Amino acid sequence: MFMCCCVAVEGNSLPEEDVEMMENSDGKNTVTDEASPMLEPFIGMEFESEEAAKSFYDNYAAGMGFLMRVDAFRRSMRDGTVVWRRLVCNKEGFRRLRPRRSENRKPRAITREGCKALIVVKREKSGTWIVTKFVKEHNHPLLPLLPNGRRHCQLSQTPDEKDAKIRELSAELSRERRRCAALQQQLDMVLKEMEEHSNHLSININNVIQSVREIESNTFTKPFS
């Protein structure tokens, strides 16, 4: 039996593999990473790996018309490996409210609506992963599929979501530009100091050479006693 502790939430994961069912020697069905018709999750469904579970639910999400998000997980206190994983709709939860910096600033689009759709998978002692919870219902309209049966995150976003993403990326670009400008200023200062040091060193060397030449000249021109 594994003892587990809760850990932080991860970001989105959208693998490209399809899935199929294979029968183990004990007669149970296990999902692998090969192509097959879309299946609906059910409690007790088994997967050969955590990645197979992610791939399966991602393809199921694409077929139903929503995006999967890889959510919370738990690790074994014995060896630190992941033994429990929650996969949710990308509209799960609610965005934390933060004070607006400016009244003129356009509010960010609401991308989370408290959707409860999810599956929970747990690793068994045998190494297989089993579905222990499945919630099918969504509290929002599902998005249409593209002709190829897959959806891209950017294509599935609403105009407001795209605007919010553009603003986020623009702000990040602005921060990076300011950071680069500061680094460039520091680099210019370092190069200037190196140049000044090099010039000062050259002057000192020239002074030493001149002094040596004067000494040599005085030595050779001094009459012998």
Protein backbone atom coordinates (compact mmCIF):
# COMPACT_ATOMS: atom_id res chain seq x y z
CA MET A 1 0.00 0.00 0.00
CA PHE A 2 1.35 3.44 -0.93
CA MET A 3 1.20 6.34 1.50
CA CYS A 4 0.58 9.56 -0.40
CA CYS A 5 0.81 13.29 0.09
CA CYS A 6 -0.77 16.05 -2.01
CA VAL A 7 1.46 18.08 -4.29
CA ALA A 8 1.05 21.17 -6.48
CA VAL A 9 -0.92 21.44 -9.73
CA GLU A 10 0.74 21.06 -13.12
CA GLY A 11 -0.09 22.81 -16.41
CA ASN A 12 -1.83 21.63 -19.57
CA SER A 13 -0.73 18.52 -21.40
CA LEU A 14 -1.93 17.74 -24.93
CA PRO A 15 -0.23 14.57 -26.27
CA GLU A 16 -1.01 13.51 -29.83
CA GLU A 17 -1.40 9.73 -29.46
CA ASP A 18 -4.72 7.90 -29.82
CA VAL A 19 -5.56 4.90 -27.65
CA GLU A 20 -6.78 1.34 -27.95
CA MET A 21 -7.81 -1.39 -25.53
CA MET A 22 -5.71 -4.51 -25.04
CA GLU A 23 -6.53 -7.57 -22.95
CA ASN A 24 -4.11 -8.66 -20.23
CA SER A 25 -3.39 -12.26 -19.35
CA ASP A 26 -5.82 -11.89 -16.44
CA GLY A 27 -8.63 -10.92 -18.83
CA LYS A 28 -8.74 -7.24 -17.84
CA ASN A 29 -8.76 -4.44 -20.39
CA THR A 30 -5.86 -1.99 -20.36
CA VAL A 31 -5.62 1.12 -22.52
CA THR A 32 -2.45 1.60 -24.56
CA ASP A 33 -1.16 4.41 -26.80
CA GLU A 34 -2.34 3.03 -30.17
CA ALA A 35 -5.18 4.27 -32.38
CA SER A 36 -8.77 3.08 -31.97
CA PRO A 37 -12.36 4.42 -31.79
CA MET A 38 -13.07 6.84 -28.94
CA LEU A 39 -14.24 5.24 -25.70
CA GLU A 40 -15.95 6.86 -22.73
CA PRO A 41 -14.12 6.60 -19.41
CA PHE A 42 -15.64 4.42 -16.70
CA ILE A 43 -14.71 3.59 -13.13
CA GLY A 44 -12.43 0.57 -13.17
CA MET A 45 -10.95 1.29 -16.62
CA GLU A 46 -7.26 0.40 -16.59
CA PHE A 47 -4.25 1.91 -18.36
CA GLU A 48 -0.75 0.56 -18.75
CA SER A 49 0.79 3.90 -17.68
CA GLU A 50 0.00 7.39 -16.48
CA GLU A 51 0.84 8.75 -19.94
CA ALA A 52 -1.64 6.33 -21.50
CA ALA A 53 -4.34 7.69 -19.17
CA LYS A 54 -3.47 11.27 -20.11
CA SER A 55 -3.46 10.44 -23.81
CA PHE A 56 -6.79 8.64 -23.57
CA TYR A 57 -8.56 11.46 -21.71
CA ASP A 58 -7.07 14.09 -24.01
CA ASN A 59 -8.44 12.26 -27.06
CA TYR A 60 -11.78 11.78 -25.30
CA ALA A 61 -11.82 15.53 -24.58
CA ALA A 62 -11.08 16.31 -28.23
CA GLY A 63 -13.92 14.04 -29.34
CA MET A 64 -16.39 15.59 -26.87
CA GLY A 65 -15.34 19.17 -27.65
CA PHE A 66 -13.39 20.41 -24.62
CA LEU A 67 -9.76 20.78 -23.57
CA MET A 68 -8.07 18.61 -20.96
CA ARG A 69 -5.92 20.07 -18.20
CA VAL A 70 -3.51 17.97 -16.14
CA ASP A 71 -4.42 18.94 -12.58
CA ALA A 72 -3.44 17.80 -9.09
CA PHE A 73 -1.34 14.75 -8.28
CA ARG A 74 -0.01 12.84 -5.28
CA ARG A 75 3.37 11.23 -4.76
CA SER A 76 4.35 8.15 -2.82
CA MET A 77 6.07 8.98 0.46
CA ARG A 78 8.13 5.85 -0.09
CA ASP A 79 9.89 6.69 -3.36
CA GLY A 80 8.43 10.02 -4.52
CA THR A 81 6.80 8.65 -7.69
CA VAL A 82 3.35 9.85 -8.79
CA VAL A 83 0.65 7.42 -7.68
CA TRP A 84 -2.54 9.49 -8.15
CA ARG A 85 -3.54 11.95 -10.85
CA ARG A 86 -6.55 14.15 -11.57
CA LEU A 87 -7.34 15.14 -15.18
CA VAL A 88 -9.91 17.91 -15.57
CA CYS A 89 -11.68 20.13 -18.09
CA ASN A 90 -9.74 23.32 -18.75
CA LYS A 91 -12.70 25.32 -17.39
CA GLU A 92 -12.42 23.64 -13.98
CA GLY A 93 -12.22 25.94 -10.95
CA PHE A 94 -12.45 29.71 -10.79
CA ARG A 95 -9.91 32.43 -11.39
CA ARG A 96 -8.70 34.20 -8.27
CA LEU A 97 -9.90 37.79 -8.12
CA ARG A 98 -7.10 40.35 -8.00
CA PRO A 99 -7.36 44.12 -7.62
CA ARG A 100 -7.26 45.91 -10.96
CA ARG A 101 -4.26 48.15 -11.47
CA SER A 102 -6.19 50.63 -13.57
CA GLU A 103 -9.87 51.41 -14.02
CA ASN A 104 -9.24 51.92 -17.74
CA ARG A 105 -7.70 48.48 -18.12
CA LYS A 106 -9.94 45.96 -19.88
CA PRO A 107 -10.85 43.06 -17.54
CA ARG A 108 -9.42 39.68 -18.46
CA ALA A 109 -11.76 37.16 -20.07
CA ILE A 110 -13.28 34.53 -17.80
CA THR A 111 -11.73 31.22 -18.87
CA ARG A 112 -12.70 29.10 -15.83
CA GLU A 113 -16.31 28.42 -15.01
CA GLY A 114 -16.19 25.88 -12.21
CA CYS A 115 -16.68 22.89 -14.49
CA LYS A 116 -16.71 19.59 -12.57
CA ALA A 117 -15.92 17.22 -15.47
CA LEU A 118 -12.86 15.07 -14.68
CA ILE A 119 -11.35 11.64 -14.23
CA VAL A 120 -9.12 10.47 -11.40
CA VAL A 121 -6.61 7.69 -11.99
CA LYS A 122 -4.61 5.79 -9.38
CA ARG A 123 -1.61 3.52 -9.74
CA GLU A 124 -2.11 -0.01 -8.46
CA LYS A 125 0.59 -2.21 -6.92
CA SER A 126 0.73 -4.09 -10.22
CA GLY A 127 1.84 -0.87 -11.95
CA THR A 128 -1.35 -0.35 -13.95
CA TRP A 129 -3.43 2.81 -13.57
CA ILE A 130 -7.14 2.53 -12.82
CA VAL A 131 -9.94 5.10 -13.07
CA THR A 132 -11.39 5.68 -9.60
CA LYS A 133 -13.67 8.64 -10.42
CA PHE A 134 -15.35 9.95 -13.55
CA VAL A 135 -17.59 13.01 -13.92
CA LYS A 136 -18.98 13.41 -17.43
CA GLU A 137 -21.23 16.48 -17.18
CA HIS A 138 -19.96 19.97 -18.10
CA ASN A 139 -21.55 23.25 -17.03
CA HIS A 140 -20.66 25.08 -20.27
CA PRO A 141 -21.17 24.56 -24.01
CA LEU A 142 -18.72 22.16 -25.62
CA LEU A 143 -16.61 23.42 -28.52
CA PRO A 144 -16.95 22.05 -32.06
CA LEU A 145 -14.27 19.82 -33.53
CA LEU A 146 -12.06 20.73 -36.46
CA PRO A 147 -12.50 18.67 -39.67
CA ASN A 148 -9.49 16.50 -38.80
CA GLY A 149 -11.08 15.49 -35.51
CA ARG A 150 -8.47 17.38 -33.42
CA ARG A 151 -8.56 20.81 -31.88
CA HIS A 152 -5.77 23.26 -31.24
CA CYS A 153 -5.82 25.27 -28.04
CA GLN A 154 -5.54 28.60 -29.86
CA LEU A 155 -8.29 27.69 -32.37
CA SER A 156 -10.67 26.66 -29.61
CA GLN A 157 -10.37 29.92 -27.71
CA THR A 158 -13.06 32.58 -27.84
CA PRO A 159 -12.18 36.10 -29.10
CA ASP A 160 -12.04 37.36 -25.49
CA GLU A 161 -9.68 34.52 -24.54
CA LYS A 162 -7.46 35.32 -27.52
CA ASP A 163 -7.40 39.00 -26.54
CA ALA A 164 -6.44 38.03 -22.99
CA LYS A 165 -3.67 35.79 -24.30
CA ILE A 166 -2.38 38.56 -26.57
CA ARG A 167 -2.31 41.01 -23.66
CA GLU A 168 -0.50 38.46 -21.51
CA LEU A 169 2.11 37.80 -24.19
CA SER A 170 2.51 41.53 -24.90
CA ALA A 171 3.11 42.23 -21.21
CA GLU A 172 5.65 39.40 -21.06
CA LEU A 173 7.40 40.76 -24.17
CA SER A 174 7.52 44.23 -22.62
CA ARG A 175 9.08 42.82 -19.43
CA GLU A 176 11.68 40.93 -21.45
CA ARG A 177 12.53 44.05 -23.44
CA ARG A 178 13.06 46.06 -20.23
CA ARG A 179 15.17 43.23 -18.83
CA CYS A 180 17.29 43.10 -22.01
CA ALA A 181 17.73 46.89 -21.92
CA ALA A 182 18.93 46.72 -18.32
CA LEU A 183 21.34 43.90 -19.15
CA GLN A 184 22.63 45.82 -22.17
CA GLN A 185 23.25 48.86 -19.97
CA GLN A 186 25.20 46.76 -17.48
CA LEU A 187 27.20 45.18 -20.29
CA ASP A 188 28.05 48.61 -21.73
CA MET A 189 29.27 49.72 -18.31
CA VAL A 190 31.47 46.64 -17.96
CA LEU A 191 32.92 47.10 -21.45
CA LYS A 192 33.61 50.77 -20.73
CA GLU A 193 35.41 49.90 -17.49
CA MET A 194 37.44 47.23 -19.31
CA GLU A 195 38.40 49.74 -22.00
CA GLU A 196 39.43 52.34 -19.43
CA HIS A 197 41.45 49.73 -17.54
CA SER A 198 43.11 48.60 -20.77
CA ASN A 199 44.01 52.18 -21.68
CA HIS A 200 45.39 52.84 -18.21
CA LEU A 201 47.43 49.63 -18.38
CA SER A 202 48.80 50.59 -21.80
CA ILE A 203 49.88 54.00 -20.48
CA ASN A 204 51.64 52.38 -17.52
CA ILE A 205 53.43 49.92 -19.81
CA ASN A 206 54.52 52.72 -22.13
CA ASN A 207 55.81 54.70 -19.15
CA VAL A 208 57.81 51.70 -17.95
CA ILE A 209 59.26 51.13 -21.42
CA GLN A 210 60.18 54.80 -21.70
CA SER A 211 61.84 54.73 -18.28
CA VAL A 212 63.85 51.62 -19.21
CA ARG A 213 64.98 53.24 -22.44
CA GLU A 214 66.09 56.39 -20.61
CA ILE A 215 68.05 54.32 -18.10
CA GLU A 216 69.72 52.35 -20.88
CA SER A 217 70.53 55.55 -22.76
CA ASN A 218 72.09 57.17 -19.70
CA THR A 219 74.10 54.03 -18.99
CA PHE A 220 75.65 53.87 -22.46
CA THR A 221 76.31 57.60 -22.77
CA LYS A 222 77.94 58.03 -19.32
CA PRO A 223 81.77 58.36 -19.73
CA PHE A 224 83.87 55.64 -18.21
CA SER A 225 85.96 56.76 -15.23
